[in-house]
């Protein structure tokens, strides 16, 4: 973590690597969509407005699906 912070990282993603490895192995198309709710610079705290966060996620997923069609 310290090395990543020194390099300027504010987020470290580890979940998509596993999803893409699985998809590659089974030869299926995949996309990974993450929302970062915390960062490396301070202690984690929950988003202040869960409803707004969920609505933003839905909007992004809807736009991605429409674009892929």
PDB file of N, CA and C in Angstrom:
ATOM      1  N   UNK A   1       0.822  -1.196   0.000  1.00  0.00           N
ATOM      2  CA  UNK A   1       0.000   0.000   0.000  1.00  0.00           C
ATOM      3  C   UNK A   1       0.864   1.257   0.000  1.00  0.00           C
ATOM      4  N   UNK A   2       1.918   1.230   0.786  1.00  0.00           N
ATOM      5  CA  UNK A   2       2.771   2.416   0.865  1.00  0.00           C
ATOM      6  C   UNK A   2       3.401   2.731  -0.487  1.00  0.00           C
ATOM      7  N   UNK A   3       3.836   1.706  -1.197  1.00  0.00           N
ATOM      8  CA  UNK A   3       4.435   1.915  -2.516  1.00  0.00           C
ATOM      9  C   UNK A   3       3.402   2.518  -3.478  1.00  0.00           C
ATOM     10  N   UNK A   4       2.181   2.038  -3.420  1.00  0.00           N
ATOM     11  CA  UNK A   4       1.130   2.571  -4.280  1.00  0.00           C
ATOM     12  C   UNK A   4       0.833   4.023  -3.925  1.00  0.00           C
ATOM     13  N   UNK A   5       0.770   4.341  -2.646  1.00  0.00           N
ATOM     14  CA  UNK A   5       0.534   5.718  -2.213  1.00  0.00           C
ATOM     15  C   UNK A   5       1.640   6.632  -2.701  1.00  0.00           C
ATOM     16  N   UNK A   6       2.889   6.177  -2.567  1.00  0.00           N
ATOM     17  CA  UNK A   6       4.032   6.991  -3.003  1.00  0.00           C
ATOM     18  C   UNK A   6       4.001   7.230  -4.507  1.00  0.00           C
ATOM     19  N   UNK A   7       3.429   6.293  -5.251  1.00  0.00           N
ATOM     20  CA  UNK A   7       3.315   6.439  -6.703  1.00  0.00           C
ATOM     21  C   UNK A   7       2.131   7.315  -7.098  1.00  0.00           C
ATOM     22  N   UNK A   8       1.338   7.746  -6.108  1.00  0.00           N
ATOM     23  CA  UNK A   8       0.220   8.638  -6.376  1.00  0.00           C
ATOM     24  C   UNK A   8      -1.137   7.966  -6.458  1.00  0.00           C
ATOM     25  N   UNK A   9      -1.204   6.686  -6.178  1.00  0.00           N
ATOM     26  CA  UNK A   9      -2.492   5.976  -6.249  1.00  0.00           C
ATOM     27  C   UNK A   9      -3.413   6.443  -5.128  1.00  0.00           C
ATOM     28  N   UNK A  10      -4.671   6.575  -5.448  1.00  0.00           N
ATOM     29  CA  UNK A  10      -5.679   6.885  -4.435  1.00  0.00           C
ATOM     30  C   UNK A  10      -6.646   5.723  -4.259  1.00  0.00           C
ATOM     31  N   UNK A  11      -6.596   4.766  -5.165  1.00  0.00           N
ATOM     32  CA  UNK A  11      -7.447   3.588  -5.121  1.00  0.00           C
ATOM     33  C   UNK A  11      -6.651   2.393  -5.608  1.00  0.00           C
ATOM     34  N   UNK A  12      -6.899   1.232  -5.055  1.00  0.00           N
ATOM     35  CA  UNK A  12      -6.297   0.002  -5.549  1.00  0.00           C
ATOM     36  C   UNK A  12      -7.422  -0.966  -5.838  1.00  0.00           C
ATOM     37  N   UNK A  13      -7.533  -1.366  -7.088  1.00  0.00           N
ATOM     38  CA  UNK A  13      -8.591  -2.277  -7.511  1.00  0.00           C
ATOM     39  C   UNK A  13      -8.019  -3.677  -7.594  1.00  0.00           C
ATOM     40  N   UNK A  14      -8.696  -4.643  -6.986  1.00  0.00           N
ATOM     41  CA  UNK A  14      -8.222  -6.016  -7.036  1.00  0.00           C
ATOM     42  C   UNK A  14      -9.304  -6.976  -7.525  1.00  0.00           C
ATOM     43  N   UNK A  15     -10.532  -6.562  -7.533  1.00  0.00           N
ATOM     44  CA  UNK A  15     -11.624  -7.457  -7.889  1.00  0.00           C
ATOM     45  C   UNK A  15     -11.694  -7.755  -9.376  1.00  0.00           C
ATOM     46  N   UNK A  16     -11.505  -6.746 -10.223  1.00  0.00           N
ATOM     47  CA  UNK A  16     -11.643  -6.954 -11.672  1.00  0.00           C
ATOM     48  C   UNK A  16     -10.610  -7.929 -12.210  1.00  0.00           C
ATOM     49  N   UNK A  17      -9.427  -7.951 -11.644  1.00  0.00           N
ATOM     50  CA  UNK A  17      -8.404  -8.882 -12.118  1.00  0.00           C
ATOM     51  C   UNK A  17      -8.912 -10.320 -12.033  1.00  0.00           C
ATOM     52  N   UNK A  18      -9.567 -10.656 -10.943  1.00  0.00           N
ATOM     53  CA  UNK A  18     -10.114 -12.010 -10.786  1.00  0.00           C
ATOM     54  C   UNK A  18     -11.252 -12.255 -11.770  1.00  0.00           C
ATOM     55  N   UNK A  19     -12.103 -11.289 -11.961  1.00  0.00           N
ATOM     56  CA  UNK A  19     -13.223 -11.435 -12.903  1.00  0.00           C
ATOM     57  C   UNK A  19     -12.703 -11.633 -14.321  1.00  0.00           C
ATOM     58  N   UNK A  20     -11.700 -10.830 -14.721  1.00  0.00           N
ATOM     59  CA  UNK A  20     -11.154 -10.949 -16.075  1.00  0.00           C
ATOM     60  C   UNK A  20     -10.393 -12.263 -16.257  1.00  0.00           C
ATOM     61  N   UNK A  21      -9.697 -12.733 -15.233  1.00  0.00           N
ATOM     62  CA  UNK A  21      -9.005 -14.020 -15.330  1.00  0.00           C
ATOM     63  C   UNK A  21     -10.020 -15.151 -15.520  1.00  0.00           C
ATOM     64  N   UNK A  22     -11.102 -15.116 -14.771  1.00  0.00           N
ATOM     65  CA  UNK A  22     -12.173 -16.110 -14.906  1.00  0.00           C
ATOM     66  C   UNK A  22     -12.746 -16.079 -16.323  1.00  0.00           C
ATOM     67  N   UNK A  23     -13.057 -14.873 -16.815  1.00  0.00           N
ATOM     68  CA  UNK A  23     -13.644 -14.726 -18.144  1.00  0.00           C
ATOM     69  C   UNK A  23     -12.681 -15.200 -19.229  1.00  0.00           C
ATOM     70  N   UNK A  24     -11.412 -14.886 -19.073  1.00  0.00           N
ATOM     71  CA  UNK A  24     -10.415 -15.336 -20.052  1.00  0.00           C
ATOM     72  C   UNK A  24     -10.336 -16.864 -20.069  1.00  0.00           C
ATOM     73  N   UNK A  25     -10.298 -17.453 -18.897  1.00  0.00           N
ATOM     74  CA  UNK A  25     -10.198 -18.913 -18.799  1.00  0.00           C
ATOM     75  C   UNK A  25     -11.391 -19.596 -19.463  1.00  0.00           C
ATOM     76  N   UNK A  26     -12.605 -19.084 -19.222  1.00  0.00           N
ATOM     77  CA  UNK A  26     -13.814 -19.689 -19.761  1.00  0.00           C
ATOM     78  C   UNK A  26     -14.235 -19.104 -21.114  1.00  0.00           C
ATOM     79  N   UNK A  27     -13.413 -18.185 -21.625  1.00  0.00           N
ATOM     80  CA  UNK A  27     -13.644 -17.583 -22.938  1.00  0.00           C
ATOM     81  C   UNK A  27     -15.025 -16.937 -23.053  1.00  0.00           C
ATOM     82  N   UNK A  28     -15.358 -16.120 -22.059  1.00  0.00           N
ATOM     83  CA  UNK A  28     -16.610 -15.368 -22.085  1.00  0.00           C
ATOM     84  C   UNK A  28     -16.287 -13.879 -22.025  1.00  0.00           C
ATOM     85  N   UNK A  29     -17.135 -13.090 -22.658  1.00  0.00           N
ATOM     86  CA  UNK A  29     -16.962 -11.648 -22.602  1.00  0.00           C
ATOM     87  C   UNK A  29     -17.407 -11.142 -21.240  1.00  0.00           C
ATOM     88  N   UNK A  30     -16.739 -10.126 -20.770  1.00  0.00           N
ATOM     89  CA  UNK A  30     -17.116  -9.563 -19.478  1.00  0.00           C
ATOM     90  C   UNK A  30     -16.746  -8.091 -19.425  1.00  0.00           C
ATOM     91  N   UNK A  31     -17.366  -7.410 -18.516  1.00  0.00           N
ATOM     92  CA  UNK A  31     -17.028  -6.021 -18.225  1.00  0.00           C
ATOM     93  C   UNK A  31     -17.101  -5.860 -16.715  1.00  0.00           C
ATOM     94  N   UNK A  32     -16.265  -5.029 -16.205  1.00  0.00           N
ATOM     95  CA  UNK A  32     -16.230  -4.810 -14.764  1.00  0.00           C
ATOM     96  C   UNK A  32     -16.553  -3.346 -14.482  1.00  0.00           C
ATOM     97  N   UNK A  33     -17.463  -3.130 -13.568  1.00  0.00           N
ATOM     98  CA  UNK A  33     -17.890  -1.784 -13.193  1.00  0.00           C
ATOM     99  C   UNK A  33     -17.777  -1.653 -11.685  1.00  0.00           C
ATOM    100  N   UNK A  34     -16.934  -0.757 -11.237  1.00  0.00           N
ATOM    101  CA  UNK A  34     -16.729  -0.560  -9.800  1.00  0.00           C
ATOM    102  C   UNK A  34     -16.982   0.882  -9.418  1.00  0.00           C
ATOM    103  N   UNK A  35     -17.428   1.065  -8.214  1.00  0.00           N
ATOM    104  CA  UNK A  35     -17.557   2.398  -7.650  1.00  0.00           C
ATOM    105  C   UNK A  35     -16.661   2.444  -6.427  1.00  0.00           C
ATOM    106  N   UNK A  36     -15.714   3.351  -6.444  1.00  0.00           N
ATOM    107  CA  UNK A  36     -14.820   3.497  -5.294  1.00  0.00           C
ATOM    108  C   UNK A  36     -15.448   4.413  -4.258  1.00  0.00           C
ATOM    109  N   UNK A  37     -15.624   3.902  -3.069  1.00  0.00           N
ATOM    110  CA  UNK A  37     -16.274   4.682  -2.024  1.00  0.00           C
ATOM    111  C   UNK A  37     -15.295   5.110  -0.939  1.00  0.00           C
ATOM    112  N   UNK A  38     -14.054   4.705  -1.080  1.00  0.00           N
ATOM    113  CA  UNK A  38     -13.049   5.129  -0.121  1.00  0.00           C
ATOM    114  C   UNK A  38     -11.733   5.313  -0.869  1.00  0.00           C
ATOM    115  N   UNK A  39     -10.707   5.721  -0.172  1.00  0.00           N
ATOM    116  CA  UNK A  39      -9.421   5.879  -0.831  1.00  0.00           C
ATOM    117  C   UNK A  39      -8.291   5.556   0.139  1.00  0.00           C
ATOM    118  N   UNK A  40      -7.077   5.557  -0.376  1.00  0.00           N
ATOM    119  CA  UNK A  40      -5.918   5.171   0.431  1.00  0.00           C
ATOM    120  C   UNK A  40      -5.447   6.255   1.382  1.00  0.00           C
ATOM    121  N   UNK A  41      -5.935   7.457   1.210  1.00  0.00           N
ATOM    122  CA  UNK A  41      -5.379   8.564   1.975  1.00  0.00           C
ATOM    123  C   UNK A  41      -5.984   8.751   3.361  1.00  0.00           C
ATOM    124  N   UNK A  42      -7.093   8.082   3.630  1.00  0.00           N
ATOM    125  CA  UNK A  42      -7.731   8.271   4.948  1.00  0.00           C
ATOM    126  C   UNK A  42      -8.526   7.032   5.324  1.00  0.00           C
ATOM    127  N   UNK A  43      -9.052   7.031   6.490  1.00  0.00           N
ATOM    128  CA  UNK A  43      -9.858   5.908   6.962  1.00  0.00           C
ATOM    129  C   UNK A  43     -11.170   5.845   6.178  1.00  0.00           C
ATOM    130  N   UNK A  44     -11.685   4.623   6.017  1.00  0.00           N
ATOM    131  CA  UNK A  44     -12.925   4.437   5.282  1.00  0.00           C
ATOM    132  C   UNK A  44     -14.096   5.040   6.033  1.00  0.00           C
ATOM    133  N   UNK A  45     -15.008   5.598   5.276  1.00  0.00           N
ATOM    134  CA  UNK A  45     -16.281   6.037   5.843  1.00  0.00           C
ATOM    135  C   UNK A  45     -17.366   5.771   4.803  1.00  0.00           C
ATOM    136  N   UNK A  46     -18.527   5.452   5.265  1.00  0.00           N
ATOM    137  CA  UNK A  46     -19.639   5.137   4.361  1.00  0.00           C
ATOM    138  C   UNK A  46     -20.054   6.371   3.572  1.00  0.00           C
ATOM    139  N   UNK A  47     -20.532   6.175   2.323  1.00  0.00           N
ATOM    140  CA  UNK A  47     -21.058   7.310   1.555  1.00  0.00           C
ATOM    141  C   UNK A  47     -22.189   7.991   2.323  1.00  0.00           C
ATOM    142  N   UNK A  48     -22.281   9.280   2.180  1.00  0.00           N
ATOM    143  CA  UNK A  48     -23.284  10.032   2.939  1.00  0.00           C
ATOM    144  C   UNK A  48     -24.697   9.833   2.409  1.00  0.00           C
ATOM    145  N   UNK A  49     -24.845   9.496   1.123  1.00  0.00           N
ATOM    146  CA  UNK A  49     -26.176   9.350   0.530  1.00  0.00           C
ATOM    147  C   UNK A  49     -26.219   8.076  -0.312  1.00  0.00           C
ATOM    148  N   UNK A  50     -26.597   6.962   0.310  1.00  0.00           N
ATOM    149  CA  UNK A  50     -26.640   5.672  -0.380  1.00  0.00           C
ATOM    150  C   UNK A  50     -27.607   5.686  -1.556  1.00  0.00           C
ATOM    151  N   UNK A  51     -28.736   6.331  -1.394  1.00  0.00           N
ATOM    152  CA  UNK A  51     -29.732   6.388  -2.469  1.00  0.00           C
ATOM    153  C   UNK A  51     -29.173   7.049  -3.717  1.00  0.00           C
ATOM    154  N   UNK A  52     -28.471   8.149  -3.540  1.00  0.00           N
ATOM    155  CA  UNK A  52     -27.865   8.854  -4.669  1.00  0.00           C
ATOM    156  C   UNK A  52     -26.794   7.994  -5.325  1.00  0.00           C
ATOM    157  N   UNK A  53     -25.982   7.320  -4.521  1.00  0.00           N
ATOM    158  CA  UNK A  53     -24.946   6.444  -5.050  1.00  0.00           C
ATOM    159  C   UNK A  53     -25.559   5.326  -5.885  1.00  0.00           C
ATOM    160  N   UNK A  54     -26.609   4.680  -5.385  1.00  0.00           N
ATOM    161  CA  UNK A  54     -27.268   3.606  -6.119  1.00  0.00           C
ATOM    162  C   UNK A  54     -27.883   4.109  -7.420  1.00  0.00           C
ATOM    163  N   UNK A  55     -28.481   5.285  -7.390  1.00  0.00           N
ATOM    164  CA  UNK A  55     -29.077   5.841  -8.607  1.00  0.00           C
ATOM    165  C   UNK A  55     -28.006   6.152  -9.642  1.00  0.00           C
ATOM    166  N   UNK A  56     -26.870   6.671  -9.216  1.00  0.00           N
ATOM    167  CA  UNK A  56     -25.778   6.944 -10.147  1.00  0.00           C
ATOM    168  C   UNK A  56     -25.257   5.646 -10.761  1.00  0.00           C
ATOM    169  N   UNK A  57     -25.165   4.604  -9.961  1.00  0.00           N
ATOM    170  CA  UNK A  57     -24.732   3.312 -10.487  1.00  0.00           C
ATOM    171  C   UNK A  57     -25.717   2.798 -11.537  1.00  0.00           C
ATOM    172  N   UNK A  58     -26.991   2.884 -11.236  1.00  0.00           N
ATOM    173  CA  UNK A  58     -28.009   2.434 -12.191  1.00  0.00           C
ATOM    174  C   UNK A  58     -27.917   3.214 -13.500  1.00  0.00           C
ATOM    175  N   UNK A  59     -27.722   4.523 -13.402  1.00  0.00           N
ATOM    176  CA  UNK A  59     -27.617   5.359 -14.596  1.00  0.00           C
ATOM    177  C   UNK A  59     -26.425   4.954 -15.458  1.00  0.00           C
ATOM    178  N   UNK A  60     -25.299   4.707 -14.830  1.00  0.00           N
ATOM    179  CA  UNK A  60     -24.103   4.313 -15.582  1.00  0.00           C
ATOM    180  C   UNK A  60     -24.312   2.953 -16.242  1.00  0.00           C
ATOM    181  N   UNK A  61     -24.846   2.004 -15.511  1.00  0.00           N
ATOM    182  CA  UNK A  61     -25.083   0.668 -16.074  1.00  0.00           C
ATOM    183  C   UNK A  61     -26.088   0.754 -17.226  1.00  0.00           C
ATOM    184  N   UNK A  62     -27.141   1.520 -17.071  1.00  0.00           N
ATOM    185  CA  UNK A  62     -28.116   1.690 -18.152  1.00  0.00           C
ATOM    186  C   UNK A  62     -27.455   2.258 -19.406  1.00  0.00           C
ATOM    187  N   UNK A  63     -26.606   3.275 -19.236  1.00  0.00           N
ATOM    188  CA  UNK A  63     -25.914   3.861 -20.393  1.00  0.00           C
ATOM    189  C   UNK A  63     -24.968   2.865 -21.049  1.00  0.00           C
ATOM    190  N   UNK A  64     -24.273   2.076 -20.240  1.00  0.00           N
ATOM    191  CA  UNK A  64     -23.362   1.071 -20.803  1.00  0.00           C
ATOM    192  C   UNK A  64     -24.133   0.029 -21.604  1.00  0.00           C
ATOM    193  N   UNK A  65     -25.236  -0.441 -21.055  1.00  0.00           N
ATOM    194  CA  UNK A  65     -26.043  -1.453 -21.750  1.00  0.00           C
ATOM    195  C   UNK A  65     -26.562  -0.889 -23.074  1.00  0.00           C
ATOM    196  N   UNK A  66     -27.054   0.323 -23.069  1.00  0.00           N
ATOM    197  CA  UNK A  66     -27.564   0.936 -24.303  1.00  0.00           C
ATOM    198  C   UNK A  66     -26.458   1.073 -25.340  1.00  0.00           C
ATOM    199  N   UNK A  67     -25.270   1.427 -24.896  1.00  0.00           N
ATOM    200  CA  UNK A  67     -24.146   1.603 -25.820  1.00  0.00           C
ATOM    201  C   UNK A  67     -23.706   0.267 -26.426  1.00  0.00           C
ATOM    202  N   UNK A  68     -23.804  -0.810 -25.673  1.00  0.00           N
ATOM    203  CA  UNK A  68     -23.374  -2.110 -26.144  1.00  0.00           C
ATOM    204  C   UNK A  68     -24.351  -2.756 -27.125  1.00  0.00           C
ATOM    205  N   UNK A  69     -25.567  -2.282 -27.135  1.00  0.00           N
ATOM    206  CA  UNK A  69     -26.595  -2.896 -28.011  1.00  0.00           C
ATOM    207  C   UNK A  69     -26.405  -2.505 -29.427  1.00  0.00           C
TER     208      UNK A  69
END
